[in-house]
N, C-alpha and C. Protein backbone atom coordinates (compact mmCIF):
# COMPACT_ATOMS: atom_id res chain seq x y z
N MET A 1 -87.07 71.71 -56.32
CA MET A 1 -85.92 71.15 -55.61
C MET A 1 -85.06 70.35 -56.57
N THR A 2 -83.78 70.41 -56.33
CA THR A 2 -82.85 69.70 -57.20
C THR A 2 -82.28 68.50 -56.47
N THR A 3 -82.14 67.45 -57.19
CA THR A 3 -81.60 66.21 -56.60
C THR A 3 -80.12 66.11 -56.90
N PRO A 4 -79.25 66.02 -55.87
CA PRO A 4 -77.79 65.94 -56.12
C PRO A 4 -77.45 64.68 -56.89
N VAL A 5 -76.53 64.85 -57.82
CA VAL A 5 -76.10 63.72 -58.66
C VAL A 5 -74.89 63.07 -58.00
N LYS A 6 -75.01 61.82 -57.71
CA LYS A 6 -73.91 61.08 -57.10
C LYS A 6 -72.97 60.54 -58.18
N ARG A 7 -71.72 60.84 -57.99
CA ARG A 7 -70.72 60.34 -58.94
C ARG A 7 -70.39 58.87 -58.64
N GLN A 8 -70.34 58.13 -59.66
CA GLN A 8 -69.99 56.73 -59.52
C GLN A 8 -68.48 56.56 -59.57
N ILE A 9 -67.97 56.02 -58.50
CA ILE A 9 -66.52 55.80 -58.41
C ILE A 9 -66.19 54.49 -59.12
N ALA A 10 -65.31 54.60 -60.10
CA ALA A 10 -64.92 53.40 -60.85
C ALA A 10 -64.08 52.48 -59.98
N ARG A 11 -64.51 51.27 -59.89
CA ARG A 11 -63.80 50.29 -59.09
C ARG A 11 -62.83 49.50 -59.96
N VAL A 12 -61.64 49.32 -59.43
CA VAL A 12 -60.63 48.54 -60.14
C VAL A 12 -60.91 47.06 -59.90
N PRO A 13 -60.99 46.28 -60.96
CA PRO A 13 -61.26 44.84 -60.77
C PRO A 13 -60.20 44.19 -59.90
N GLY A 14 -60.60 43.16 -59.21
CA GLY A 14 -59.68 42.47 -58.31
C GLY A 14 -58.52 41.82 -59.03
N TRP A 15 -58.76 41.32 -60.23
CA TRP A 15 -57.67 40.66 -60.94
C TRP A 15 -56.58 41.65 -61.38
N VAL A 16 -56.98 42.91 -61.58
CA VAL A 16 -55.99 43.93 -61.93
C VAL A 16 -55.10 44.23 -60.73
N LYS A 17 -55.73 44.30 -59.53
CA LYS A 17 -54.93 44.54 -58.33
C LYS A 17 -53.98 43.39 -58.08
N ALA A 18 -54.49 42.18 -58.26
CA ALA A 18 -53.63 41.02 -58.02
C ALA A 18 -52.47 40.97 -59.00
N LEU A 19 -52.75 41.32 -60.26
CA LEU A 19 -51.69 41.32 -61.26
C LEU A 19 -50.65 42.40 -60.95
N GLY A 20 -51.12 43.58 -60.55
CA GLY A 20 -50.18 44.65 -60.22
C GLY A 20 -49.31 44.30 -59.03
N ALA A 21 -49.93 43.68 -58.01
CA ALA A 21 -49.15 43.28 -56.83
C ALA A 21 -48.11 42.23 -57.20
N THR A 22 -48.48 41.31 -58.08
CA THR A 22 -47.53 40.27 -58.51
C THR A 22 -46.34 40.88 -59.25
N VAL A 23 -46.63 41.86 -60.13
CA VAL A 23 -45.56 42.51 -60.89
C VAL A 23 -44.62 43.25 -59.95
N VAL A 24 -45.17 43.95 -58.95
CA VAL A 24 -44.33 44.68 -58.00
C VAL A 24 -43.45 43.73 -57.21
N VAL A 25 -44.03 42.60 -56.74
CA VAL A 25 -43.23 41.63 -55.97
C VAL A 25 -42.12 41.05 -56.82
N LEU A 26 -42.43 40.68 -58.07
CA LEU A 26 -41.40 40.13 -58.95
C LEU A 26 -40.32 41.15 -59.24
N ALA A 27 -40.69 42.42 -59.41
CA ALA A 27 -39.70 43.46 -59.67
C ALA A 27 -38.77 43.64 -58.48
N VAL A 28 -39.35 43.60 -57.28
CA VAL A 28 -38.52 43.74 -56.07
C VAL A 28 -37.58 42.56 -55.92
N LEU A 29 -38.10 41.35 -56.14
CA LEU A 29 -37.24 40.17 -56.05
C LEU A 29 -36.13 40.22 -57.09
N PHE A 30 -36.49 40.63 -58.33
CA PHE A 30 -35.48 40.70 -59.39
C PHE A 30 -34.40 41.73 -59.06
N ALA A 31 -34.83 42.89 -58.55
CA ALA A 31 -33.85 43.92 -58.19
C ALA A 31 -32.99 43.44 -57.03
N GLY A 32 -33.58 42.74 -56.08
CA GLY A 32 -32.79 42.24 -54.96
C GLY A 32 -31.75 41.23 -55.38
N ILE A 33 -32.10 40.39 -56.34
CA ILE A 33 -31.12 39.41 -56.83
C ILE A 33 -30.00 40.09 -57.58
N ARG A 34 -30.33 41.04 -58.46
CA ARG A 34 -29.30 41.68 -59.28
C ARG A 34 -28.40 42.58 -58.45
N LEU A 35 -28.98 43.29 -57.46
CA LEU A 35 -28.19 44.21 -56.67
C LEU A 35 -27.64 43.58 -55.40
N SER A 36 -28.00 42.33 -55.16
CA SER A 36 -27.52 41.60 -53.98
C SER A 36 -27.85 42.32 -52.68
N VAL A 37 -29.02 42.97 -52.64
CA VAL A 37 -29.43 43.64 -51.40
C VAL A 37 -30.27 42.73 -50.52
N LEU A 38 -30.76 41.65 -51.07
CA LEU A 38 -31.53 40.69 -50.29
C LEU A 38 -30.75 39.39 -50.23
N PRO A 39 -29.98 39.17 -49.17
CA PRO A 39 -29.16 37.96 -49.10
C PRO A 39 -30.03 36.72 -49.04
N GLY A 40 -29.54 35.67 -49.68
CA GLY A 40 -30.23 34.40 -49.66
C GLY A 40 -31.14 34.16 -50.84
N LEU A 41 -31.48 35.23 -51.60
CA LEU A 41 -32.38 35.04 -52.73
C LEU A 41 -31.75 34.23 -53.85
N LYS A 42 -30.44 34.42 -54.05
CA LYS A 42 -29.78 33.68 -55.11
C LYS A 42 -29.78 32.19 -54.81
N ASP A 43 -29.65 31.84 -53.52
CA ASP A 43 -29.70 30.43 -53.16
C ASP A 43 -31.11 29.88 -53.30
N LEU A 44 -32.13 30.74 -53.00
CA LEU A 44 -33.51 30.29 -53.08
C LEU A 44 -33.91 30.01 -54.52
N PHE A 45 -33.56 30.92 -55.41
CA PHE A 45 -33.86 30.75 -56.83
C PHE A 45 -32.59 30.27 -57.54
N GLY A 46 -32.19 29.08 -57.24
CA GLY A 46 -30.97 28.53 -57.82
C GLY A 46 -31.09 28.35 -59.32
N THR A 47 -30.01 28.50 -60.02
CA THR A 47 -30.00 28.34 -61.46
C THR A 47 -29.29 27.04 -61.85
N GLU A 48 -29.68 26.51 -62.96
CA GLU A 48 -29.08 25.30 -63.49
C GLU A 48 -28.45 25.62 -64.85
N THR A 49 -27.22 25.24 -65.04
CA THR A 49 -26.48 25.55 -66.26
C THR A 49 -26.46 24.34 -67.17
N ARG A 50 -26.82 24.56 -68.42
CA ARG A 50 -26.78 23.50 -69.43
C ARG A 50 -25.94 23.99 -70.61
N ASP A 51 -25.05 23.16 -71.07
CA ASP A 51 -24.22 23.48 -72.23
C ASP A 51 -24.91 22.97 -73.49
N ARG A 52 -25.45 23.88 -74.27
CA ARG A 52 -26.14 23.53 -75.52
C ARG A 52 -25.32 23.94 -76.74
N SER A 53 -24.03 24.11 -76.54
CA SER A 53 -23.16 24.51 -77.65
C SER A 53 -23.08 23.42 -78.70
N GLY A 54 -22.91 23.85 -79.95
CA GLY A 54 -22.73 22.90 -81.04
C GLY A 54 -21.29 22.44 -81.12
N PRO A 55 -21.01 21.49 -81.98
CA PRO A 55 -19.64 20.99 -82.12
C PRO A 55 -18.72 22.04 -82.72
N ALA A 56 -17.45 22.01 -82.31
CA ALA A 56 -16.47 22.94 -82.87
C ALA A 56 -16.13 22.55 -84.30
N LEU A 57 -16.01 23.54 -85.17
CA LEU A 57 -15.73 23.31 -86.57
C LEU A 57 -14.30 23.72 -86.88
N LEU A 58 -13.58 22.87 -87.60
CA LEU A 58 -12.22 23.17 -88.02
C LEU A 58 -12.28 24.12 -89.21
N GLU A 59 -11.75 25.31 -89.04
CA GLU A 59 -11.79 26.31 -90.11
C GLU A 59 -10.56 26.25 -91.00
N SER A 60 -9.39 26.04 -90.44
CA SER A 60 -8.18 26.01 -91.26
C SER A 60 -7.06 25.32 -90.49
N ILE A 61 -6.05 24.89 -91.23
CA ILE A 61 -4.85 24.29 -90.66
C ILE A 61 -3.64 25.02 -91.23
N GLN A 62 -2.73 25.41 -90.37
CA GLN A 62 -1.53 26.11 -90.81
C GLN A 62 -0.30 25.33 -90.38
N ASP A 63 0.62 25.19 -91.30
CA ASP A 63 1.90 24.55 -90.97
C ASP A 63 2.78 25.54 -90.22
N ILE A 64 3.39 25.08 -89.13
CA ILE A 64 4.22 25.92 -88.29
C ILE A 64 5.68 25.52 -88.46
N SER A 65 6.51 26.48 -88.79
CA SER A 65 7.93 26.21 -88.99
C SER A 65 8.78 26.96 -87.98
N ARG A 66 8.20 27.38 -86.89
CA ARG A 66 8.94 28.14 -85.91
C ARG A 66 9.31 27.25 -84.72
N TYR A 67 10.36 27.63 -84.05
CA TYR A 67 10.81 26.91 -82.87
C TYR A 67 10.53 27.78 -81.65
N ASP A 68 9.59 27.32 -80.82
CA ASP A 68 9.28 28.04 -79.58
C ASP A 68 10.37 27.75 -78.57
N ALA A 69 11.20 28.76 -78.34
CA ALA A 69 12.41 28.53 -77.55
C ALA A 69 12.30 29.01 -76.11
N ALA A 70 11.32 29.85 -75.80
CA ALA A 70 11.17 30.35 -74.43
C ALA A 70 9.73 30.80 -74.21
N SER A 71 9.31 30.73 -72.97
CA SER A 71 7.96 31.14 -72.61
C SER A 71 8.00 31.85 -71.27
N GLY A 72 7.34 32.99 -71.19
CA GLY A 72 7.32 33.77 -69.95
C GLY A 72 5.93 33.83 -69.37
N ASN A 73 5.83 33.69 -68.06
CA ASN A 73 4.57 33.82 -67.34
C ASN A 73 4.53 35.19 -66.65
N PHE A 74 3.44 35.90 -66.87
CA PHE A 74 3.34 37.27 -66.36
C PHE A 74 2.02 37.46 -65.60
N GLN A 75 2.05 38.42 -64.69
CA GLN A 75 0.84 38.79 -63.95
C GLN A 75 0.84 40.30 -63.77
N VAL A 76 -0.31 40.90 -63.99
CA VAL A 76 -0.43 42.36 -63.89
C VAL A 76 -1.74 42.69 -63.18
N VAL A 77 -1.70 43.74 -62.38
CA VAL A 77 -2.89 44.24 -61.70
C VAL A 77 -3.39 45.48 -62.45
N VAL A 78 -4.57 45.39 -63.01
CA VAL A 78 -5.16 46.48 -63.80
C VAL A 78 -6.16 47.22 -62.92
N ASP A 79 -6.00 48.53 -62.85
CA ASP A 79 -6.91 49.40 -62.10
C ASP A 79 -7.52 50.38 -63.09
N LEU A 80 -8.72 50.06 -63.56
CA LEU A 80 -9.38 50.85 -64.60
C LEU A 80 -10.55 51.62 -64.00
N GLU A 81 -10.51 52.93 -64.17
CA GLU A 81 -11.56 53.80 -63.62
C GLU A 81 -12.16 54.63 -64.74
N LYS A 82 -13.49 54.71 -64.76
CA LYS A 82 -14.22 55.51 -65.74
C LYS A 82 -15.08 56.52 -65.00
N ASP A 83 -14.88 57.80 -65.31
CA ASP A 83 -15.62 58.87 -64.66
C ASP A 83 -16.51 59.58 -65.67
N THR A 84 -17.54 60.21 -65.14
CA THR A 84 -18.45 61.02 -65.94
C THR A 84 -18.39 62.46 -65.48
N LYS A 85 -18.27 63.37 -66.44
CA LYS A 85 -18.17 64.78 -66.09
C LYS A 85 -19.43 65.27 -65.38
N PHE A 86 -19.22 66.10 -64.37
CA PHE A 86 -20.28 66.77 -63.62
C PHE A 86 -21.14 65.83 -62.80
N LEU A 87 -20.76 64.56 -62.68
CA LEU A 87 -21.50 63.60 -61.86
C LEU A 87 -20.55 62.90 -60.92
N PRO A 88 -20.93 62.74 -59.66
CA PRO A 88 -20.05 62.03 -58.73
C PRO A 88 -19.99 60.55 -59.06
N ASP A 89 -18.93 59.90 -58.60
CA ASP A 89 -18.76 58.48 -58.89
C ASP A 89 -19.88 57.63 -58.31
N ALA A 90 -20.47 58.09 -57.22
CA ALA A 90 -21.55 57.31 -56.61
C ALA A 90 -22.79 57.27 -57.48
N VAL A 91 -22.93 58.25 -58.38
CA VAL A 91 -24.09 58.30 -59.28
C VAL A 91 -23.77 57.63 -60.61
N ARG A 92 -22.68 58.01 -61.22
CA ARG A 92 -22.33 57.46 -62.54
C ARG A 92 -20.81 57.30 -62.61
N GLY A 93 -20.35 56.11 -62.84
CA GLY A 93 -18.93 55.83 -62.92
C GLY A 93 -18.64 54.40 -62.52
N SER A 94 -17.45 53.96 -62.80
CA SER A 94 -17.08 52.59 -62.45
C SER A 94 -15.58 52.51 -62.23
N ARG A 95 -15.20 51.55 -61.40
CA ARG A 95 -13.80 51.28 -61.17
C ARG A 95 -13.64 49.78 -60.97
N THR A 96 -12.73 49.18 -61.74
CA THR A 96 -12.53 47.74 -61.69
C THR A 96 -11.07 47.44 -61.39
N LEU A 97 -10.87 46.59 -60.41
CA LEU A 97 -9.53 46.12 -60.06
C LEU A 97 -9.44 44.67 -60.52
N TYR A 98 -8.53 44.41 -61.47
CA TYR A 98 -8.49 43.12 -62.17
C TYR A 98 -7.06 42.58 -62.16
N VAL A 99 -6.92 41.30 -61.82
CA VAL A 99 -5.63 40.62 -61.86
C VAL A 99 -5.59 39.76 -63.12
N GLY A 100 -4.69 40.12 -64.02
CA GLY A 100 -4.56 39.38 -65.28
C GLY A 100 -3.28 38.57 -65.30
N ALA A 101 -3.42 37.30 -65.63
CA ALA A 101 -2.27 36.39 -65.73
C ALA A 101 -2.24 35.81 -67.13
N GLY A 102 -1.05 35.73 -67.70
CA GLY A 102 -0.94 35.22 -69.06
C GLY A 102 0.49 34.82 -69.40
N THR A 103 0.64 34.27 -70.59
CA THR A 103 1.94 33.80 -71.05
C THR A 103 2.27 34.43 -72.41
N VAL A 104 3.55 34.56 -72.66
CA VAL A 104 4.05 35.05 -73.94
C VAL A 104 5.18 34.13 -74.38
N ASP A 105 5.10 33.63 -75.60
CA ASP A 105 6.14 32.76 -76.14
C ASP A 105 7.09 33.57 -77.02
N ALA A 106 8.35 33.19 -76.99
CA ALA A 106 9.36 33.76 -77.89
C ALA A 106 9.84 32.65 -78.81
N TYR A 107 9.90 32.94 -80.10
CA TYR A 107 10.19 31.89 -81.07
C TYR A 107 11.17 32.39 -82.13
N VAL A 108 11.77 31.42 -82.83
CA VAL A 108 12.64 31.69 -83.97
C VAL A 108 12.01 31.02 -85.19
N ASP A 109 11.72 31.80 -86.22
CA ASP A 109 11.09 31.28 -87.42
C ASP A 109 12.14 30.67 -88.34
N LEU A 110 12.09 29.36 -88.48
CA LEU A 110 13.06 28.64 -89.31
C LEU A 110 12.54 28.39 -90.73
N GLY A 111 11.34 28.84 -91.01
CA GLY A 111 10.75 28.56 -92.32
C GLY A 111 11.27 29.43 -93.43
N GLY A 112 11.88 30.57 -93.11
CA GLY A 112 12.34 31.48 -94.15
C GLY A 112 13.82 31.39 -94.45
N LEU A 113 14.48 30.31 -94.02
CA LEU A 113 15.92 30.18 -94.28
C LEU A 113 16.19 29.99 -95.76
N LYS A 114 17.19 30.68 -96.26
CA LYS A 114 17.59 30.55 -97.66
C LYS A 114 18.80 29.64 -97.79
N GLU A 115 19.18 29.39 -99.01
CA GLU A 115 20.29 28.46 -99.26
C GLU A 115 21.59 28.97 -98.65
N GLY A 116 21.83 30.25 -98.72
CA GLY A 116 23.07 30.80 -98.19
C GLY A 116 23.10 30.94 -96.68
N ASP A 117 21.96 30.69 -96.02
CA ASP A 117 21.91 30.85 -94.57
C ASP A 117 22.51 29.65 -93.83
N VAL A 118 22.68 28.55 -94.54
CA VAL A 118 23.27 27.35 -93.92
C VAL A 118 24.45 26.91 -94.78
N ARG A 119 25.67 26.94 -94.21
CA ARG A 119 26.86 26.56 -94.96
C ARG A 119 27.59 25.44 -94.21
N VAL A 120 27.93 24.42 -94.95
CA VAL A 120 28.62 23.26 -94.39
C VAL A 120 29.87 23.00 -95.21
N ASP A 121 31.02 22.75 -94.55
CA ASP A 121 32.25 22.49 -95.30
C ASP A 121 32.21 21.09 -95.92
N GLU A 122 33.22 20.81 -96.74
CA GLU A 122 33.21 19.58 -97.53
C GLU A 122 33.32 18.32 -96.66
N ASP A 123 34.10 18.36 -95.61
CA ASP A 123 34.24 17.16 -94.78
C ASP A 123 33.16 17.07 -93.70
N ARG A 124 32.20 17.97 -93.74
CA ARG A 124 31.04 17.95 -92.84
C ARG A 124 31.47 17.94 -91.36
N THR A 125 32.43 18.76 -91.04
CA THR A 125 32.84 18.91 -89.65
C THR A 125 32.59 20.32 -89.12
N SER A 126 32.27 21.24 -90.01
CA SER A 126 32.03 22.63 -89.62
C SER A 126 30.75 23.14 -90.28
N ALA A 127 29.93 23.86 -89.51
CA ALA A 127 28.67 24.41 -90.03
C ALA A 127 28.48 25.83 -89.53
N VAL A 128 27.96 26.66 -90.41
CA VAL A 128 27.67 28.05 -90.07
C VAL A 128 26.21 28.31 -90.42
N LEU A 129 25.43 28.78 -89.43
CA LEU A 129 24.01 29.03 -89.63
C LEU A 129 23.70 30.50 -89.33
N ARG A 130 22.90 31.09 -90.21
CA ARG A 130 22.45 32.46 -90.01
C ARG A 130 20.92 32.44 -89.88
N LEU A 131 20.44 32.81 -88.69
CA LEU A 131 19.02 32.69 -88.38
C LEU A 131 18.40 34.06 -88.14
N PRO A 132 17.09 34.16 -88.33
CA PRO A 132 16.42 35.44 -88.03
C PRO A 132 16.32 35.66 -86.52
N ARG A 133 16.16 36.89 -86.13
CA ARG A 133 16.02 37.23 -84.73
C ARG A 133 14.75 36.61 -84.13
N ALA A 134 14.82 36.34 -82.85
CA ALA A 134 13.64 35.81 -82.16
C ALA A 134 12.55 36.88 -82.07
N ARG A 135 11.32 36.41 -82.08
CA ARG A 135 10.18 37.31 -81.99
C ARG A 135 9.26 36.86 -80.85
N LEU A 136 8.38 37.77 -80.48
CA LEU A 136 7.41 37.48 -79.44
C LEU A 136 6.08 37.09 -80.08
N GLY A 137 5.47 36.05 -79.54
CA GLY A 137 4.14 35.68 -79.98
C GLY A 137 3.08 36.54 -79.31
N ALA A 138 1.84 36.32 -79.68
CA ALA A 138 0.74 37.09 -79.10
C ALA A 138 0.52 36.64 -77.65
N PRO A 139 0.33 37.58 -76.74
CA PRO A 139 0.06 37.21 -75.35
C PRO A 139 -1.23 36.40 -75.25
N ALA A 140 -1.20 35.37 -74.40
CA ALA A 140 -2.37 34.53 -74.17
C ALA A 140 -2.82 34.72 -72.73
N LEU A 141 -4.00 35.31 -72.56
CA LEU A 141 -4.53 35.55 -71.21
C LEU A 141 -5.12 34.26 -70.66
N ASP A 142 -4.70 33.88 -69.48
CA ASP A 142 -5.17 32.67 -68.82
C ASP A 142 -6.40 33.04 -67.99
N VAL A 143 -7.58 32.69 -68.49
CA VAL A 143 -8.81 33.07 -67.80
C VAL A 143 -8.99 32.31 -66.49
N ASP A 144 -8.36 31.15 -66.36
CA ASP A 144 -8.48 30.40 -65.12
C ASP A 144 -7.69 31.04 -63.98
N ARG A 145 -6.65 31.80 -64.32
CA ARG A 145 -5.83 32.46 -63.29
C ARG A 145 -6.06 33.96 -63.23
N SER A 146 -6.98 34.47 -64.04
CA SER A 146 -7.30 35.89 -64.05
C SER A 146 -8.67 36.09 -63.38
N TYR A 147 -8.80 37.17 -62.64
CA TYR A 147 -10.04 37.39 -61.91
C TYR A 147 -10.16 38.87 -61.54
N ALA A 148 -11.42 39.28 -61.31
CA ALA A 148 -11.70 40.64 -60.86
C ALA A 148 -11.68 40.67 -59.34
N VAL A 149 -10.85 41.54 -58.79
CA VAL A 149 -10.77 41.67 -57.34
C VAL A 149 -11.95 42.45 -56.80
N SER A 150 -12.30 43.54 -57.45
CA SER A 150 -13.43 44.35 -57.01
C SER A 150 -14.01 45.12 -58.19
N LYS A 151 -15.31 45.40 -58.08
CA LYS A 151 -16.01 46.20 -59.08
C LYS A 151 -16.87 47.23 -58.34
N GLN A 152 -16.63 48.48 -58.63
CA GLN A 152 -17.41 49.56 -58.04
C GLN A 152 -18.14 50.28 -59.15
N ARG A 153 -19.46 50.39 -59.00
CA ARG A 153 -20.27 51.03 -60.03
C ARG A 153 -21.22 52.02 -59.39
N GLY A 154 -21.50 53.09 -60.12
CA GLY A 154 -22.44 54.09 -59.64
C GLY A 154 -23.87 53.59 -59.70
N LEU A 155 -24.75 54.38 -59.09
CA LEU A 155 -26.15 53.97 -59.01
C LEU A 155 -26.78 53.79 -60.39
N LEU A 156 -26.50 54.71 -61.31
CA LEU A 156 -27.08 54.61 -62.66
C LEU A 156 -26.56 53.39 -63.39
N ASP A 157 -25.29 53.04 -63.19
CA ASP A 157 -24.73 51.85 -63.83
C ASP A 157 -25.38 50.59 -63.29
N ARG A 158 -25.64 50.56 -61.98
CA ARG A 158 -26.29 49.40 -61.39
C ARG A 158 -27.72 49.26 -61.89
N LEU A 159 -28.44 50.38 -61.99
CA LEU A 159 -29.80 50.32 -62.51
C LEU A 159 -29.82 49.88 -63.96
N GLY A 160 -28.83 50.31 -64.74
CA GLY A 160 -28.76 49.87 -66.13
C GLY A 160 -28.54 48.38 -66.26
N ASP A 161 -27.82 47.79 -65.31
CA ASP A 161 -27.58 46.35 -65.35
C ASP A 161 -28.84 45.56 -65.06
N LEU A 162 -29.85 46.19 -64.46
CA LEU A 162 -31.10 45.48 -64.18
C LEU A 162 -31.83 45.11 -65.46
N PHE A 163 -31.67 45.91 -66.48
CA PHE A 163 -32.46 45.74 -67.69
C PHE A 163 -31.65 45.24 -68.88
N SER A 164 -30.36 45.09 -68.71
CA SER A 164 -29.53 44.60 -69.81
C SER A 164 -28.31 43.90 -69.26
N ASP A 165 -27.95 42.81 -69.90
CA ASP A 165 -26.73 42.09 -69.55
C ASP A 165 -25.62 42.54 -70.48
N ASN A 166 -24.44 42.74 -69.93
CA ASN A 166 -23.31 43.20 -70.71
C ASN A 166 -22.24 42.11 -70.71
N PRO A 167 -22.19 41.25 -71.73
CA PRO A 167 -21.19 40.19 -71.75
C PRO A 167 -19.77 40.69 -71.90
N ASN A 168 -19.62 41.97 -72.31
CA ASN A 168 -18.28 42.52 -72.50
C ASN A 168 -17.87 43.43 -71.34
N SER A 169 -18.44 43.19 -70.15
CA SER A 169 -18.16 44.06 -69.02
C SER A 169 -16.70 44.02 -68.60
N GLU A 170 -16.03 42.88 -68.81
CA GLU A 170 -14.62 42.76 -68.44
C GLU A 170 -13.70 42.83 -69.66
N GLN A 171 -14.26 43.08 -70.81
CA GLN A 171 -13.44 43.08 -72.02
C GLN A 171 -12.40 44.20 -71.99
N ALA A 172 -12.77 45.37 -71.46
CA ALA A 172 -11.84 46.49 -71.43
C ALA A 172 -10.63 46.19 -70.54
N VAL A 173 -10.87 45.65 -69.35
CA VAL A 173 -9.75 45.36 -68.45
C VAL A 173 -8.92 44.18 -68.97
N GLN A 174 -9.55 43.25 -69.66
CA GLN A 174 -8.80 42.13 -70.24
C GLN A 174 -7.88 42.61 -71.35
N LYS A 175 -8.38 43.50 -72.21
CA LYS A 175 -7.53 44.06 -73.27
C LYS A 175 -6.37 44.85 -72.68
N LEU A 176 -6.66 45.59 -71.61
CA LEU A 176 -5.61 46.37 -70.96
C LEU A 176 -4.58 45.45 -70.32
N ALA A 177 -5.02 44.34 -69.74
CA ALA A 177 -4.09 43.38 -69.14
C ALA A 177 -3.20 42.76 -70.21
N VAL A 178 -3.77 42.41 -71.36
CA VAL A 178 -2.98 41.84 -72.45
C VAL A 178 -1.92 42.83 -72.93
N ARG A 179 -2.30 44.11 -73.02
CA ARG A 179 -1.34 45.13 -73.48
C ARG A 179 -0.17 45.28 -72.49
N HIS A 180 -0.49 45.28 -71.21
CA HIS A 180 0.57 45.42 -70.20
C HIS A 180 1.46 44.18 -70.17
N ILE A 181 0.88 43.01 -70.39
CA ILE A 181 1.68 41.78 -70.43
C ILE A 181 2.62 41.81 -71.63
N ARG A 182 2.13 42.29 -72.74
CA ARG A 182 2.98 42.42 -73.94
C ARG A 182 4.15 43.37 -73.67
N GLU A 183 3.87 44.51 -73.05
CA GLU A 183 4.93 45.46 -72.74
C GLU A 183 5.95 44.88 -71.77
N ALA A 184 5.46 44.12 -70.79
CA ALA A 184 6.38 43.49 -69.84
C ALA A 184 7.26 42.46 -70.53
N ALA A 185 6.70 41.73 -71.49
CA ALA A 185 7.49 40.72 -72.21
C ALA A 185 8.57 41.37 -73.06
N GLU A 186 8.28 42.54 -73.62
CA GLU A 186 9.28 43.23 -74.44
C GLU A 186 10.47 43.69 -73.62
N ASP A 187 10.25 43.97 -72.35
CA ASP A 187 11.33 44.45 -71.48
C ASP A 187 11.95 43.35 -70.63
N SER A 188 11.52 42.12 -70.83
CA SER A 188 11.97 41.03 -69.96
C SER A 188 13.20 40.29 -70.46
N GLY A 189 13.64 40.57 -71.70
CA GLY A 189 14.76 39.82 -72.27
C GLY A 189 14.37 38.43 -72.73
N LEU A 190 13.08 38.25 -73.02
CA LEU A 190 12.60 36.93 -73.42
C LEU A 190 13.14 36.52 -74.79
N THR A 191 13.27 37.47 -75.71
CA THR A 191 13.79 37.12 -77.04
C THR A 191 15.26 36.72 -76.97
N GLU A 192 16.04 37.40 -76.12
CA GLU A 192 17.44 37.00 -75.96
C GLU A 192 17.55 35.59 -75.41
N ARG A 193 16.67 35.27 -74.48
CA ARG A 193 16.66 33.92 -73.92
C ARG A 193 16.29 32.89 -74.99
N ALA A 194 15.36 33.25 -75.86
CA ALA A 194 14.96 32.34 -76.93
C ALA A 194 16.09 32.09 -77.91
N GLU A 195 16.85 33.15 -78.24
CA GLU A 195 17.98 32.96 -79.16
C GLU A 195 19.06 32.08 -78.53
N ALA A 196 19.32 32.28 -77.24
CA ALA A 196 20.32 31.44 -76.58
C ALA A 196 19.88 29.98 -76.54
N ASN A 197 18.60 29.74 -76.28
CA ASN A 197 18.09 28.37 -76.25
C ASN A 197 18.12 27.73 -77.64
N THR A 198 17.81 28.54 -78.66
CA THR A 198 17.85 28.01 -80.04
C THR A 198 19.28 27.66 -80.43
N ARG A 199 20.21 28.52 -80.08
CA ARG A 199 21.62 28.24 -80.37
C ARG A 199 22.08 26.95 -79.68
N GLY A 200 21.72 26.79 -78.42
CA GLY A 200 22.12 25.59 -77.70
C GLY A 200 21.48 24.34 -78.27
N MET A 201 20.23 24.42 -78.70
CA MET A 201 19.54 23.27 -79.27
C MET A 201 20.19 22.84 -80.57
N LEU A 202 20.46 23.80 -81.48
CA LEU A 202 21.03 23.47 -82.78
C LEU A 202 22.48 23.01 -82.65
N GLN A 203 23.23 23.60 -81.76
CA GLN A 203 24.61 23.15 -81.56
C GLN A 203 24.64 21.72 -81.04
N GLY A 204 23.79 21.41 -80.10
CA GLY A 204 23.73 20.04 -79.59
C GLY A 204 23.30 19.05 -80.66
N LEU A 205 22.33 19.45 -81.49
CA LEU A 205 21.85 18.56 -82.54
C LEU A 205 22.93 18.30 -83.59
N LEU A 206 23.57 19.36 -84.06
CA LEU A 206 24.58 19.20 -85.10
C LEU A 206 25.82 18.47 -84.59
N ARG A 207 26.20 18.70 -83.37
CA ARG A 207 27.35 17.98 -82.83
C ARG A 207 27.06 16.51 -82.64
N SER A 208 25.82 16.18 -82.37
CA SER A 208 25.46 14.76 -82.28
C SER A 208 25.51 14.08 -83.65
N LEU A 209 25.44 14.90 -84.71
CA LEU A 209 25.54 14.36 -86.07
C LEU A 209 26.98 14.34 -86.59
N GLY A 210 27.94 14.72 -85.77
CA GLY A 210 29.34 14.64 -86.16
C GLY A 210 30.02 15.96 -86.44
N PHE A 211 29.31 17.06 -86.34
CA PHE A 211 29.93 18.37 -86.59
C PHE A 211 30.73 18.78 -85.36
N GLU A 212 31.96 19.21 -85.60
CA GLU A 212 32.83 19.60 -84.50
C GLU A 212 32.76 21.09 -84.20
N ARG A 213 32.52 21.88 -85.22
CA ARG A 213 32.46 23.34 -85.06
C ARG A 213 31.13 23.84 -85.62
N VAL A 214 30.40 24.51 -84.75
CA VAL A 214 29.08 25.03 -85.14
C VAL A 214 29.00 26.50 -84.72
N ARG A 215 28.77 27.37 -85.70
CA ARG A 215 28.64 28.80 -85.40
C ARG A 215 27.29 29.28 -85.87
N ILE A 216 26.57 29.92 -84.94
CA ILE A 216 25.20 30.38 -85.23
C ILE A 216 25.12 31.87 -84.91
N THR A 217 24.60 32.63 -85.88
CA THR A 217 24.40 34.05 -85.70
C THR A 217 22.95 34.41 -86.00
N PHE A 218 22.48 35.49 -85.39
CA PHE A 218 21.10 35.97 -85.58
C PHE A 218 21.15 37.36 -86.21
N THR A 219 20.42 37.52 -87.29
CA THR A 219 20.39 38.79 -88.02
C THR A 219 18.96 39.18 -88.32
N GLY A 220 18.78 40.44 -88.68
CA GLY A 220 17.46 40.89 -89.07
C GLY A 220 16.73 41.61 -87.96
């Protein structure tokens, strides 16, 4: 007669089960917080912000010889959509609606004036000035007045955010907002306004010094 051999079933230790259950619970909680599918979790696990930044260091100083004669405030609505071929937007893709607000300054550079650009007659009653054309400064995006209205992301994009933080998630729409603000400033007549303001400022200044006739032209 043969005796049947009983197989020994390997038992999983209790601490392994407990550890696995803990990992699963933490993963679910983490996913709920990131995907906002479990309301109230963000309030339960509140975060505290500490500023541990070091002191700002002065890298350089530049002398400015330009006269900022006009400043324009602009606002643009950026609608940026990214699609993936052969995949629906619900799976892979994103669309961001962003309101960008910023300012652009128009200035006249007085640092490059040559000797022949300023002519004064002998009795100091007449002056002729030849100035360079007004230019536009770099657009400055106001982060306090700029904000994302909505963000739509596909399932794969949301899952990717679970495992990595993207500090440049709004960088694309911010760059696009700056470009549109620059284009709007070029078509706004801001440089013409700057030249008119510069002319009025210099005429008032020179007339207060005794000049009766002041002629200012812009070239270049």
